[in-house]
PDB file of N, CA and C in Angstrom:
ATOM      1  N   MET A   1    -121.753-102.567  60.332  1.00  0.00           N
ATOM      2  CA  MET A   1    -122.142-103.911  60.727  1.00  0.00           C
ATOM      3  C   MET A   1    -123.154-104.448  59.718  1.00  0.00           C
ATOM      4  N   VAL A   2    -122.944-105.661  59.293  1.00  0.00           N
ATOM      5  CA  VAL A   2    -123.840-106.312  58.340  1.00  0.00           C
ATOM      6  C   VAL A   2    -124.719-107.304  59.094  1.00  0.00           C
ATOM      7  N   TYR A   3    -126.023-107.209  58.872  1.00  0.00           N
ATOM      8  CA  TYR A   3    -126.985-108.117  59.492  1.00  0.00           C
ATOM      9  C   TYR A   3    -127.340-109.215  58.505  1.00  0.00           C
ATOM     10  N   LYS A   4    -127.465-110.424  59.001  1.00  0.00           N
ATOM     11  CA  LYS A   4    -127.877-111.549  58.156  1.00  0.00           C
ATOM     12  C   LYS A   4    -129.381-111.744  58.301  1.00  0.00           C
ATOM     13  N   LEU A   5    -130.051-111.877  57.185  1.00  0.00           N
ATOM     14  CA  LEU A   5    -131.495-112.083  57.176  1.00  0.00           C
ATOM     15  C   LEU A   5    -131.825-113.339  56.382  1.00  0.00           C
ATOM     16  N   PHE A   6    -132.725-114.134  56.905  1.00  0.00           N
ATOM     17  CA  PHE A   6    -133.263-115.250  56.134  1.00  0.00           C
ATOM     18  C   PHE A   6    -134.554-114.756  55.502  1.00  0.00           C
ATOM     19  N   VAL A   7    -134.589-114.746  54.189  1.00  0.00           N
ATOM     20  CA  VAL A   7    -135.747-114.235  53.464  1.00  0.00           C
ATOM     21  C   VAL A   7    -136.556-115.410  52.946  1.00  0.00           C
ATOM     22  N   ASP A   8    -137.805-115.476  53.368  1.00  0.00           N
ATOM     23  CA  ASP A   8    -138.708-116.534  52.932  1.00  0.00           C
ATOM     24  C   ASP A   8    -139.047-116.361  51.444  1.00  0.00           C
ATOM     25  N   SER A   9    -139.347-117.436  50.788  1.00  0.00           N
ATOM     26  CA  SER A   9    -139.658-117.381  49.351  1.00  0.00           C
ATOM     27  C   SER A   9    -140.873-116.504  49.062  1.00  0.00           C
ATOM     28  N   ASP A  10    -141.794-116.375  49.996  1.00  0.00           N
ATOM     29  CA  ASP A  10    -142.955-115.503  49.788  1.00  0.00           C
ATOM     30  C   ASP A  10    -142.545-114.044  49.622  1.00  0.00           C
ATOM     31  N   VAL A  11    -141.510-113.623  50.333  1.00  0.00           N
ATOM     32  CA  VAL A  11    -141.019-112.246  50.207  1.00  0.00           C
ATOM     33  C   VAL A  11    -140.468-112.020  48.800  1.00  0.00           C
ATOM     34  N   ILE A  12    -139.784-113.002  48.273  1.00  0.00           N
ATOM     35  CA  ILE A  12    -139.233-112.893  46.919  1.00  0.00           C
ATOM     36  C   ILE A  12    -140.365-112.835  45.891  1.00  0.00           C
ATOM     37  N   ILE A  13    -141.379-113.662  46.083  1.00  0.00           N
ATOM     38  CA  ILE A  13    -142.534-113.660  45.177  1.00  0.00           C
ATOM     39  C   ILE A  13    -143.265-112.318  45.255  1.00  0.00           C
ATOM     40  N   ASP A  14    -143.429-111.778  46.468  1.00  0.00           N
ATOM     41  CA  ASP A  14    -144.073-110.467  46.629  1.00  0.00           C
ATOM     42  C   ASP A  14    -143.314-109.394  45.857  1.00  0.00           C
ATOM     43  N   PHE A  15    -142.002-109.450  45.923  1.00  0.00           N
ATOM     44  CA  PHE A  15    -141.165-108.455  45.254  1.00  0.00           C
ATOM     45  C   PHE A  15    -141.301-108.541  43.733  1.00  0.00           C
ATOM     46  N   PHE A  16    -141.185-109.737  43.185  1.00  0.00           N
ATOM     47  CA  PHE A  16    -141.185-109.885  41.730  1.00  0.00           C
ATOM     48  C   PHE A  16    -142.572-109.798  41.107  1.00  0.00           C
ATOM     49  N   THR A  17    -143.615-110.089  41.856  1.00  0.00           N
ATOM     50  CA  THR A  17    -144.969-110.010  41.295  1.00  0.00           C
ATOM     51  C   THR A  17    -145.673-108.710  41.655  1.00  0.00           C
ATOM     52  N   ASP A  18    -144.971-107.843  42.404  1.00  0.00           N
ATOM     53  CA  ASP A  18    -145.520-106.539  42.794  1.00  0.00           C
ATOM     54  C   ASP A  18    -146.841-106.693  43.556  1.00  0.00           C
ATOM     55  N   ARG A  19    -146.867-107.685  44.460  1.00  0.00           N
ATOM     56  CA  ARG A  19    -148.080-107.990  45.211  1.00  0.00           C
ATOM     57  C   ARG A  19    -148.267-106.988  46.339  1.00  0.00           C
ATOM     58  N   LYS A  20    -149.359-106.283  46.292  1.00  0.00           N
ATOM     59  CA  LYS A  20    -149.674-105.281  47.301  1.00  0.00           C
ATOM     60  C   LYS A  20    -150.343-105.950  48.490  1.00  0.00           C
ATOM     61  N   PRO A  21    -150.193-105.539  49.696  1.00  0.00           N
ATOM     62  CA  PRO A  21    -149.410-104.420  50.223  1.00  0.00           C
ATOM     63  C   PRO A  21    -147.999-104.834  50.622  1.00  0.00           C
ATOM     64  N   HIS A  22    -147.551-106.017  50.215  1.00  0.00           N
ATOM     65  CA  HIS A  22    -146.283-106.562  50.694  1.00  0.00           C
ATOM     66  C   HIS A  22    -145.072-106.132  49.877  1.00  0.00           C
ATOM     67  N   VAL A  23    -145.299-105.502  48.734  1.00  0.00           N
ATOM     68  CA  VAL A  23    -144.179-105.171  47.850  1.00  0.00           C
ATOM     69  C   VAL A  23    -143.256-104.113  48.459  1.00  0.00           C
ATOM     70  N   ASN A  24    -143.790-103.158  49.200  1.00  0.00           N
ATOM     71  CA  ASN A  24    -142.941-102.100  49.754  1.00  0.00           C
ATOM     72  C   ASN A  24    -141.945-102.625  50.790  1.00  0.00           C
ATOM     73  N   PRO A  25    -142.375-103.401  51.793  1.00  0.00           N
ATOM     74  CA  PRO A  25    -141.383-103.937  52.729  1.00  0.00           C
ATOM     75  C   PRO A  25    -140.388-104.880  52.048  1.00  0.00           C
ATOM     76  N   ALA A  26    -140.850-105.648  51.075  1.00  0.00           N
ATOM     77  CA  ALA A  26    -139.950-106.559  50.364  1.00  0.00           C
ATOM     78  C   ALA A  26    -138.903-105.764  49.598  1.00  0.00           C
ATOM     79  N   SER A  27    -139.306-104.687  48.953  1.00  0.00           N
ATOM     80  CA  SER A  27    -138.347-103.893  48.190  1.00  0.00           C
ATOM     81  C   SER A  27    -137.366-103.184  49.110  1.00  0.00           C
ATOM     82  N   GLU A  28    -137.793-102.814  50.319  1.00  0.00           N
ATOM     83  CA  GLU A  28    -136.875-102.210  51.293  1.00  0.00           C
ATOM     84  C   GLU A  28    -135.777-103.202  51.687  1.00  0.00           C
ATOM     85  N   LEU A  29    -136.141-104.467  51.867  1.00  0.00           N
ATOM     86  CA  LEU A  29    -135.133-105.479  52.193  1.00  0.00           C
ATOM     87  C   LEU A  29    -134.114-105.638  51.073  1.00  0.00           C
ATOM     88  N   PHE A  30    -134.588-105.660  49.830  1.00  0.00           N
ATOM     89  CA  PHE A  30    -133.675-105.800  48.705  1.00  0.00           C
ATOM     90  C   PHE A  30    -132.811-104.556  48.528  1.00  0.00           C
ATOM     91  N   ASP A  31    -133.362-103.380  48.827  1.00  0.00           N
ATOM     92  CA  ASP A  31    -132.565-102.154  48.773  1.00  0.00           C
ATOM     93  C   ASP A  31    -131.444-102.180  49.807  1.00  0.00           C
ATOM     94  N   LEU A  32    -131.746-102.618  51.024  1.00  0.00           N
ATOM     95  CA  LEU A  32    -130.713-102.722  52.056  1.00  0.00           C
ATOM     96  C   LEU A  32    -129.631-103.714  51.645  1.00  0.00           C
ATOM     97  N   ASN A  33    -130.041-104.776  50.978  1.00  0.00           N
ATOM     98  CA  ASN A  33    -129.068-105.757  50.512  1.00  0.00           C
ATOM     99  C   ASN A  33    -128.134-105.146  49.455  1.00  0.00           C
ATOM    100  N   GLU A  34    -128.686-104.346  48.562  1.00  0.00           N
ATOM    101  CA  GLU A  34    -127.863-103.703  47.534  1.00  0.00           C
ATOM    102  C   GLU A  34    -126.895-102.694  48.143  1.00  0.00           C
ATOM    103  N   GLN A  35    -127.261-102.073  49.261  1.00  0.00           N
ATOM    104  CA  GLN A  35    -126.408-101.099  49.938  1.00  0.00           C
ATOM    105  C   GLN A  35    -125.386-101.781  50.841  1.00  0.00           C
ATOM    106  N   SER A  36    -125.362-103.086  50.831  1.00  0.00           N
ATOM    107  CA  SER A  36    -124.442-103.906  51.656  1.00  0.00           C
ATOM    108  C   SER A  36    -124.654-103.687  53.151  1.00  0.00           C
ATOM    109  N   LYS A  37    -125.878-103.347  53.538  1.00  0.00           N
ATOM    110  CA  LYS A  37    -126.194-103.204  54.960  1.00  0.00           C
ATOM    111  C   LYS A  37    -126.753-104.508  55.539  1.00  0.00           C
ATOM    112  N   THR A  38    -127.207-105.389  54.647  1.00  0.00           N
ATOM    113  CA  THR A  38    -127.698-106.694  55.076  1.00  0.00           C
ATOM    114  C   THR A  38    -127.183-107.753  54.107  1.00  0.00           C
ATOM    115  N   LEU A  39    -127.176-108.961  54.565  1.00  0.00           N
ATOM    116  CA  LEU A  39    -126.853-110.108  53.714  1.00  0.00           C
ATOM    117  C   LEU A  39    -128.094-110.976  53.710  1.00  0.00           C
ATOM    118  N   CYS A  40    -128.813-110.969  52.592  1.00  0.00           N
ATOM    119  CA  CYS A  40    -130.049-111.744  52.489  1.00  0.00           C
ATOM    120  C   CYS A  40    -129.738-113.166  52.082  1.00  0.00           C
ATOM    121  N   ILE A  41    -130.224-114.092  52.872  1.00  0.00           N
ATOM    122  CA  ILE A  41    -130.104-115.519  52.582  1.00  0.00           C
ATOM    123  C   ILE A  41    -131.493-115.995  52.205  1.00  0.00           C
ATOM    124  N   CYS A  42    -131.663-116.367  50.956  1.00  0.00           N
ATOM    125  CA  CYS A  42    -132.989-116.731  50.457  1.00  0.00           C
ATOM    126  C   CYS A  42    -133.208-118.213  50.543  1.00  0.00           C
ATOM    127  N   GLY A  43    -134.431-118.579  50.887  1.00  0.00           N
ATOM    128  CA  GLY A  43    -134.755-119.991  50.963  1.00  0.00           C
ATOM    129  C   GLY A  43    -136.204-120.266  50.805  1.00  0.00           C
TER     130      GLY A  43
END
């Protein structure tokens, strides 16, 4: 089953700027997306 997630732009910024302590949960979301377990909708 694939879950749809709406990802806020702050999560994307946290991921790309390596902003602590938010980078770990953000990277987990992107990892799940790469494994096709979620469909991230960015906005």
